[in-house]
């Protein structure tokens, strides 16, 4: 006998109306099993799993929907679904990364930065320094005027012995500070870049060209 979707949905709705959530879950599960691409029903099923305390099943439902929307470039819909997962699993690094990347695609800088910072801090606590630096670089590129992050990135590079990247990041921070009129702070940061460049040239006491060049007449 062919599956009767309409009949099954009506049965599920009747169970909901009478508060028989487990029975409704069973009926909605039949629909999703028959039509895996019915994401509306899958979302309802996920919400019901939350109500019954079956967090793992709920996350499975929401993840399927979120990944579908992400793959179809429906970023805002994907964000909504990943946020449901985030509420069930706060601090999940994979979900935070997905959210950060999606927010960045939508130029939602504040939201993207907040989630990238969660990921960066988690990497730092786990000792995954290189991964943390990569996330900080994403934040710095996403928010170029955030000099604090750019300097933190430079210091991270320096700590890891990545002197070329450290010098470039300090220089970029200096340009940003100079553009904002923070001359003293800019000179301090440029000075840090100069010291790194001098050490890399093998002449720690020698003179090197100023990292901001003639662009600012310094």
C-alpha atoms as a PDB file:
ATOM      1  CA  UNK A   1       0.000   0.000   0.000  1.00  0.00           C
ATOM      2  CA  UNK A   2       1.288   3.444  -0.957  1.00  0.00           C
ATOM      3  CA  UNK A   3       2.259   5.751   1.855  1.00  0.00           C
ATOM      4  CA  UNK A   4      -0.529   8.240   2.651  1.00  0.00           C
ATOM      5  CA  UNK A   5       1.269  11.397   3.693  1.00  0.00           C
ATOM      6  CA  UNK A   6      -1.862  13.464   4.230  1.00  0.00           C
ATOM      7  CA  UNK A   7      -3.413  10.837   6.481  1.00  0.00           C
ATOM      8  CA  UNK A   8      -0.205  10.480   8.484  1.00  0.00           C
ATOM      9  CA  UNK A   9       0.151  14.241   8.984  1.00  0.00           C
ATOM     10  CA  UNK A  10      -3.453  14.481  10.142  1.00  0.00           C
ATOM     11  CA  UNK A  11      -2.846  11.724  12.656  1.00  0.00           C
ATOM     12  CA  UNK A  12       0.283  13.496  13.892  1.00  0.00           C
ATOM     13  CA  UNK A  13      -1.616  16.761  14.307  1.00  0.00           C
ATOM     14  CA  UNK A  14      -4.387  15.017  16.271  1.00  0.00           C
ATOM     15  CA  UNK A  15      -1.820  13.538  18.616  1.00  0.00           C
ATOM     16  CA  UNK A  16      -0.299  16.986  19.111  1.00  0.00           C
ATOM     17  CA  UNK A  17      -3.689  18.498  19.896  1.00  0.00           C
ATOM     18  CA  UNK A  18      -4.227  15.913  22.634  1.00  0.00           C
ATOM     19  CA  UNK A  19      -0.716  16.246  24.020  1.00  0.00           C
ATOM     20  CA  UNK A  20       0.454  12.821  22.884  1.00  0.00           C
ATOM     21  CA  UNK A  21       3.917  13.968  21.810  1.00  0.00           C
ATOM     22  CA  UNK A  22       5.638  10.548  21.507  1.00  0.00           C
ATOM     23  CA  UNK A  23       2.820   9.331  19.246  1.00  0.00           C
ATOM     24  CA  UNK A  24       3.110  12.494  17.126  1.00  0.00           C
ATOM     25  CA  UNK A  25       6.873  11.947  16.856  1.00  0.00           C
ATOM     26  CA  UNK A  26       6.227   8.455  15.527  1.00  0.00           C
ATOM     27  CA  UNK A  27       3.895   9.757  12.818  1.00  0.00           C
ATOM     28  CA  UNK A  28       6.158  12.630  11.761  1.00  0.00           C
ATOM     29  CA  UNK A  29       9.072  10.174  11.628  1.00  0.00           C
ATOM     30  CA  UNK A  30       7.093   8.116   9.097  1.00  0.00           C
ATOM     31  CA  UNK A  31       6.724  11.190   6.883  1.00  0.00           C
ATOM     32  CA  UNK A  32      10.415  12.053   7.063  1.00  0.00           C
ATOM     33  CA  UNK A  33      11.389   8.463   6.357  1.00  0.00           C
ATOM     34  CA  UNK A  34       9.157   8.441   3.279  1.00  0.00           C
ATOM     35  CA  UNK A  35      10.171  11.938   2.108  1.00  0.00           C
ATOM     36  CA  UNK A  36      13.666  12.832   3.403  1.00  0.00           C
ATOM     37  CA  UNK A  37      13.541  16.190   1.605  1.00  0.00           C
ATOM     38  CA  UNK A  38      10.463  17.351   3.533  1.00  0.00           C
ATOM     39  CA  UNK A  39      12.448  19.784   5.647  1.00  0.00           C
ATOM     40  CA  UNK A  40       9.363  21.465   7.083  1.00  0.00           C
ATOM     41  CA  UNK A  41       8.263  18.215   8.678  1.00  0.00           C
ATOM     42  CA  UNK A  42      11.841  17.432   9.666  1.00  0.00           C
ATOM     43  CA  UNK A  43      12.017  20.756  11.506  1.00  0.00           C
ATOM     44  CA  UNK A  44       8.755  19.984  13.340  1.00  0.00           C
ATOM     45  CA  UNK A  45      10.143  16.584  14.254  1.00  0.00           C
ATOM     46  CA  UNK A  46      13.312  18.189  15.590  1.00  0.00           C
ATOM     47  CA  UNK A  47      11.306  20.591  17.750  1.00  0.00           C
ATOM     48  CA  UNK A  48       9.300  17.668  19.149  1.00  0.00           C
ATOM     49  CA  UNK A  49      12.476  15.787  19.971  1.00  0.00           C
ATOM     50  CA  UNK A  50      13.564  18.837  21.965  1.00  0.00           C
ATOM     51  CA  UNK A  51      10.277  18.763  23.870  1.00  0.00           C
ATOM     52  CA  UNK A  52      10.715  15.094  24.719  1.00  0.00           C
ATOM     53  CA  UNK A  53      14.317  15.591  25.800  1.00  0.00           C
ATOM     54  CA  UNK A  54      15.857  13.651  22.932  1.00  0.00           C
ATOM     55  CA  UNK A  55      18.606  16.151  22.241  1.00  0.00           C
ATOM     56  CA  UNK A  56      20.680  13.907  19.980  1.00  0.00           C
ATOM     57  CA  UNK A  57      17.734  13.195  17.680  1.00  0.00           C
ATOM     58  CA  UNK A  58      16.821  16.887  17.571  1.00  0.00           C
ATOM     59  CA  UNK A  59      20.356  17.879  16.627  1.00  0.00           C
ATOM     60  CA  UNK A  60      20.395  15.245  13.894  1.00  0.00           C
ATOM     61  CA  UNK A  61      17.228  16.737  12.393  1.00  0.00           C
ATOM     62  CA  UNK A  62      18.424  20.328  12.615  1.00  0.00           C
ATOM     63  CA  UNK A  63      21.851  19.482  11.205  1.00  0.00           C
ATOM     64  CA  UNK A  64      20.344  17.857   8.109  1.00  0.00           C
ATOM     65  CA  UNK A  65      18.283  20.970   7.466  1.00  0.00           C
ATOM     66  CA  UNK A  66      21.132  23.377   8.183  1.00  0.00           C
ATOM     67  CA  UNK A  67      23.558  21.592   5.880  1.00  0.00           C
ATOM     68  CA  UNK A  68      20.951  21.464   3.124  1.00  0.00           C
ATOM     69  CA  UNK A  69      20.313  25.206   3.328  1.00  0.00           C
ATOM     70  CA  UNK A  70      24.034  25.945   3.512  1.00  0.00           C
ATOM     71  CA  UNK A  71      24.735  23.810   0.439  1.00  0.00           C
ATOM     72  CA  UNK A  72      21.914  25.584  -1.408  1.00  0.00           C
ATOM     73  CA  UNK A  73      23.360  28.992  -0.422  1.00  0.00           C
ATOM     74  CA  UNK A  74      20.358  29.880   1.737  1.00  0.00           C
ATOM     75  CA  UNK A  75      22.656  31.382   4.343  1.00  0.00           C
ATOM     76  CA  UNK A  76      20.075  33.011   6.591  1.00  0.00           C
ATOM     77  CA  UNK A  77      17.986  29.836   6.778  1.00  0.00           C
ATOM     78  CA  UNK A  78      21.121  27.826   7.507  1.00  0.00           C
ATOM     79  CA  UNK A  79      22.040  30.273  10.265  1.00  0.00           C
ATOM     80  CA  UNK A  80      18.616  29.845  11.865  1.00  0.00           C
ATOM     81  CA  UNK A  81      19.048  26.072  11.980  1.00  0.00           C
ATOM     82  CA  UNK A  82      22.644  26.127  13.216  1.00  0.00           C
ATOM     83  CA  UNK A  83      21.519  28.506  15.963  1.00  0.00           C
ATOM     84  CA  UNK A  84      19.011  25.888  17.092  1.00  0.00           C
ATOM     85  CA  UNK A  85      21.866  23.427  17.417  1.00  0.00           C
ATOM     86  CA  UNK A  86      24.009  26.026  19.155  1.00  0.00           C
ATOM     87  CA  UNK A  87      21.339  26.479  21.807  1.00  0.00           C
ATOM     88  CA  UNK A  88      21.310  22.737  22.415  1.00  0.00           C
ATOM     89  CA  UNK A  89      25.102  22.396  22.314  1.00  0.00           C
ATOM     90  CA  UNK A  90      26.582  25.722  23.443  1.00  0.00           C
ATOM     91  CA  UNK A  91      30.299  25.886  22.862  1.00  0.00           C
ATOM     92  CA  UNK A  92      30.358  23.307  20.072  1.00  0.00           C
ATOM     93  CA  UNK A  93      33.345  24.459  17.995  1.00  0.00           C
ATOM     94  CA  UNK A  94      32.150  22.962  14.719  1.00  0.00           C
ATOM     95  CA  UNK A  95      28.779  24.685  14.981  1.00  0.00           C
ATOM     96  CA  UNK A  96      30.371  27.969  16.072  1.00  0.00           C
ATOM     97  CA  UNK A  97      32.653  27.798  13.026  1.00  0.00           C
ATOM     98  CA  UNK A  98      29.735  27.167  10.673  1.00  0.00           C
ATOM     99  CA  UNK A  99      27.872  30.116  12.185  1.00  0.00           C
ATOM    100  CA  UNK A 100      30.906  32.397  11.993  1.00  0.00           C
ATOM    101  CA  UNK A 101      31.532  31.556   8.331  1.00  0.00           C
ATOM    102  CA  UNK A 102      27.871  32.070   7.428  1.00  0.00           C
ATOM    103  CA  UNK A 103      27.681  35.367   9.298  1.00  0.00           C
ATOM    104  CA  UNK A 104      30.851  36.484   7.522  1.00  0.00           C
ATOM    105  CA  UNK A 105      29.298  35.635   4.144  1.00  0.00           C
ATOM    106  CA  UNK A 106      26.404  37.920   5.040  1.00  0.00           C
ATOM    107  CA  UNK A 107      28.756  40.718   6.188  1.00  0.00           C
ATOM    108  CA  UNK A 108      27.346  40.421   9.712  1.00  0.00           C
ATOM    109  CA  UNK A 109      30.661  41.402  11.256  1.00  0.00           C
ATOM    110  CA  UNK A 110      29.666  41.594  14.917  1.00  0.00           C
ATOM    111  CA  UNK A 111      28.021  38.164  14.916  1.00  0.00           C
ATOM    112  CA  UNK A 112      30.821  36.575  12.890  1.00  0.00           C
ATOM    113  CA  UNK A 113      33.504  38.043  15.132  1.00  0.00           C
ATOM    114  CA  UNK A 114      31.748  36.821  18.286  1.00  0.00           C
ATOM    115  CA  UNK A 115      31.631  33.236  17.026  1.00  0.00           C
ATOM    116  CA  UNK A 116      35.152  33.305  15.621  1.00  0.00           C
ATOM    117  CA  UNK A 117      36.387  34.449  19.044  1.00  0.00           C
ATOM    118  CA  UNK A 118      34.648  31.469  20.645  1.00  0.00           C
ATOM    119  CA  UNK A 119      36.487  29.193  18.234  1.00  0.00           C
ATOM    120  CA  UNK A 120      39.829  30.970  18.689  1.00  0.00           C
ATOM    121  CA  UNK A 121      39.595  30.761  22.482  1.00  0.00           C
ATOM    122  CA  UNK A 122      38.725  27.076  22.299  1.00  0.00           C
ATOM    123  CA  UNK A 123      41.768  26.413  20.117  1.00  0.00           C
ATOM    124  CA  UNK A 124      43.939  28.393  22.532  1.00  0.00           C
ATOM    125  CA  UNK A 125      42.699  26.374  25.513  1.00  0.00           C
ATOM    126  CA  UNK A 126      43.343  23.157  23.606  1.00  0.00           C
ATOM    127  CA  UNK A 127      46.856  24.259  22.705  1.00  0.00           C
ATOM    128  CA  UNK A 128      46.042  24.313  18.993  1.00  0.00           C
ATOM    129  CA  UNK A 129      47.956  27.526  18.406  1.00  0.00           C
ATOM    130  CA  UNK A 130      48.154  27.406  14.628  1.00  0.00           C
ATOM    131  CA  UNK A 131      44.420  26.785  14.304  1.00  0.00           C
ATOM    132  CA  UNK A 132      43.751  29.659  16.696  1.00  0.00           C
ATOM    133  CA  UNK A 133      45.942  32.010  14.679  1.00  0.00           C
ATOM    134  CA  UNK A 134      44.093  31.093  11.491  1.00  0.00           C
ATOM    135  CA  UNK A 135      40.819  32.046  13.146  1.00  0.00           C
ATOM    136  CA  UNK A 136      42.291  35.327  14.412  1.00  0.00           C
ATOM    137  CA  UNK A 137      43.420  36.056  10.848  1.00  0.00           C
ATOM    138  CA  UNK A 138      39.832  35.572   9.683  1.00  0.00           C
ATOM    139  CA  UNK A 139      38.650  38.053  12.309  1.00  0.00           C
ATOM    140  CA  UNK A 140      41.326  40.557  11.331  1.00  0.00           C
ATOM    141  CA  UNK A 141      40.458  40.268   7.632  1.00  0.00           C
ATOM    142  CA  UNK A 142      36.742  40.495   8.382  1.00  0.00           C
ATOM    143  CA  UNK A 143      37.178  43.580  10.552  1.00  0.00           C
ATOM    144  CA  UNK A 144      40.249  45.420   9.184  1.00  0.00           C
ATOM    145  CA  UNK A 145      39.827  48.393  11.526  1.00  0.00           C
ATOM    146  CA  UNK A 146      40.024  46.176  14.610  1.00  0.00           C
ATOM    147  CA  UNK A 147      43.598  47.050  15.491  1.00  0.00           C
ATOM    148  CA  UNK A 148      43.479  45.134  18.770  1.00  0.00           C
ATOM    149  CA  UNK A 149      42.865  41.853  16.963  1.00  0.00           C
ATOM    150  CA  UNK A 150      45.524  42.631  14.351  1.00  0.00           C
ATOM    151  CA  UNK A 151      48.100  43.255  17.095  1.00  0.00           C
ATOM    152  CA  UNK A 152      47.036  40.115  18.956  1.00  0.00           C
ATOM    153  CA  UNK A 153      47.481  38.190  15.707  1.00  0.00           C
ATOM    154  CA  UNK A 154      50.944  39.695  15.229  1.00  0.00           C
ATOM    155  CA  UNK A 155      51.949  38.746  18.763  1.00  0.00           C
ATOM    156  CA  UNK A 156      50.696  35.217  18.169  1.00  0.00           C
ATOM    157  CA  UNK A 157      52.743  34.946  14.990  1.00  0.00           C
ATOM    158  CA  UNK A 158      55.791  36.261  16.835  1.00  0.00           C
ATOM    159  CA  UNK A 159      55.350  33.732  19.623  1.00  0.00           C
ATOM    160  CA  UNK A 160      55.251  30.944  17.030  1.00  0.00           C
ATOM    161  CA  UNK A 161      58.400  32.191  15.322  1.00  0.00           C
ATOM    162  CA  UNK A 162      56.509  33.404  12.258  1.00  0.00           C
ATOM    163  CA  UNK A 163      58.437  36.655  12.095  1.00  0.00           C
ATOM    164  CA  UNK A 164      57.521  37.590   8.527  1.00  0.00           C
ATOM    165  CA  UNK A 165      53.788  37.294   9.271  1.00  0.00           C
ATOM    166  CA  UNK A 166      54.242  39.096  12.605  1.00  0.00           C
ATOM    167  CA  UNK A 167      55.990  42.050  10.990  1.00  0.00           C
ATOM    168  CA  UNK A 168      53.333  42.330   8.288  1.00  0.00           C
ATOM    169  CA  UNK A 169      50.530  42.268  10.880  1.00  0.00           C
ATOM    170  CA  UNK A 170      52.208  44.915  13.044  1.00  0.00           C
ATOM    171  CA  UNK A 171      52.665  47.076   9.944  1.00  0.00           C
ATOM    172  CA  UNK A 172      49.000  46.718   8.984  1.00  0.00           C
ATOM    173  CA  UNK A 173      47.984  47.658  12.520  1.00  0.00           C
ATOM    174  CA  UNK A 174      50.254  50.695  12.321  1.00  0.00           C
ATOM    175  CA  UNK A 175      48.641  51.846   9.083  1.00  0.00           C
ATOM    176  CA  UNK A 176      45.194  51.535  10.671  1.00  0.00           C
ATOM    177  CA  UNK A 177      46.251  53.518  13.734  1.00  0.00           C
ATOM    178  CA  UNK A 178      47.861  56.181  11.577  1.00  0.00           C
ATOM    179  CA  UNK A 179      44.713  56.514   9.482  1.00  0.00           C
ATOM    180  CA  UNK A 180      42.738  57.086  12.685  1.00  0.00           C
ATOM    181  CA  UNK A 181      45.158  59.794  13.795  1.00  0.00           C
ATOM    182  CA  UNK A 182      46.710  57.752  16.629  1.00  0.00           C
ATOM    183  CA  UNK A 183      50.252  58.782  15.756  1.00  0.00           C
ATOM    184  CA  UNK A 184      51.997  57.717  18.970  1.00  0.00           C
ATOM    185  CA  UNK A 185      50.364  54.297  18.977  1.00  0.00           C
ATOM    186  CA  UNK A 186      51.132  53.894  15.279  1.00  0.00           C
ATOM    187  CA  UNK A 187      54.809  54.699  15.808  1.00  0.00           C
ATOM    188  CA  UNK A 188      55.020  52.186  18.650  1.00  0.00           C
ATOM    189  CA  UNK A 189      53.538  49.427  16.518  1.00  0.00           C
ATOM    190  CA  UNK A 190      55.676  50.354  13.515  1.00  0.00           C
ATOM    191  CA  UNK A 191      58.668  50.161  15.842  1.00  0.00           C
ATOM    192  CA  UNK A 192      57.820  46.585  16.744  1.00  0.00           C
ATOM    193  CA  UNK A 193      57.634  45.740  13.070  1.00  0.00           C
ATOM    194  CA  UNK A 194      61.003  47.402  12.432  1.00  0.00           C
ATOM    195  CA  UNK A 195      62.685  45.381  15.185  1.00  0.00           C
ATOM    196  CA  UNK A 196      61.401  42.145  13.701  1.00  0.00           C
ATOM    197  CA  UNK A 197      62.504  43.114  10.210  1.00  0.00           C
ATOM    198  CA  UNK A 198      65.943  44.089  11.493  1.00  0.00           C
ATOM    199  CA  UNK A 199      66.380  40.744  13.244  1.00  0.00           C
ATOM    200  CA  UNK A 200      65.280  38.910  10.116  1.00  0.00           C
ATOM    201  CA  UNK A 201      67.848  40.844   8.062  1.00  0.00           C
ATOM    202  CA  UNK A 202      70.568  39.688  10.453  1.00  0.00           C
ATOM    203  CA  UNK A 203      71.374  43.239  11.440  1.00  0.00           C
ATOM    204  CA  UNK A 204      69.563  43.888  14.744  1.00  0.00           C
ATOM    205  CA  UNK A 205      71.296  47.238  15.236  1.00  0.00           C
ATOM    206  CA  UNK A 206      71.088  48.368  11.634  1.00  0.00           C
ATOM    207  CA  UNK A 207      68.601  50.680   9.993  1.00  0.00           C
ATOM    208  CA  UNK A 208      65.843  49.420   7.741  1.00  0.00           C
ATOM    209  CA  UNK A 209      63.293  51.263   5.700  1.00  0.00           C
ATOM    210  CA  UNK A 210      60.248  52.441   7.618  1.00  0.00           C
ATOM    211  CA  UNK A 211      57.379  49.973   7.119  1.00  0.00           C
ATOM    212  CA  UNK A 212      54.934  52.708   6.177  1.00  0.00           C
ATOM    213  CA  UNK A 213      57.336  54.018   3.537  1.00  0.00           C
ATOM    214  CA  UNK A 214      56.845  57.402   1.901  1.00  0.00           C
ATOM    215  CA  UNK A 215      53.109  56.857   1.923  1.00  0.00           C
ATOM    216  CA  UNK A 216      52.820  58.917   5.113  1.00  0.00           C
ATOM    217  CA  UNK A 217      55.967  60.982   4.732  1.00  0.00           C
ATOM    218  CA  UNK A 218      57.708  59.323   7.709  1.00  0.00           C
END
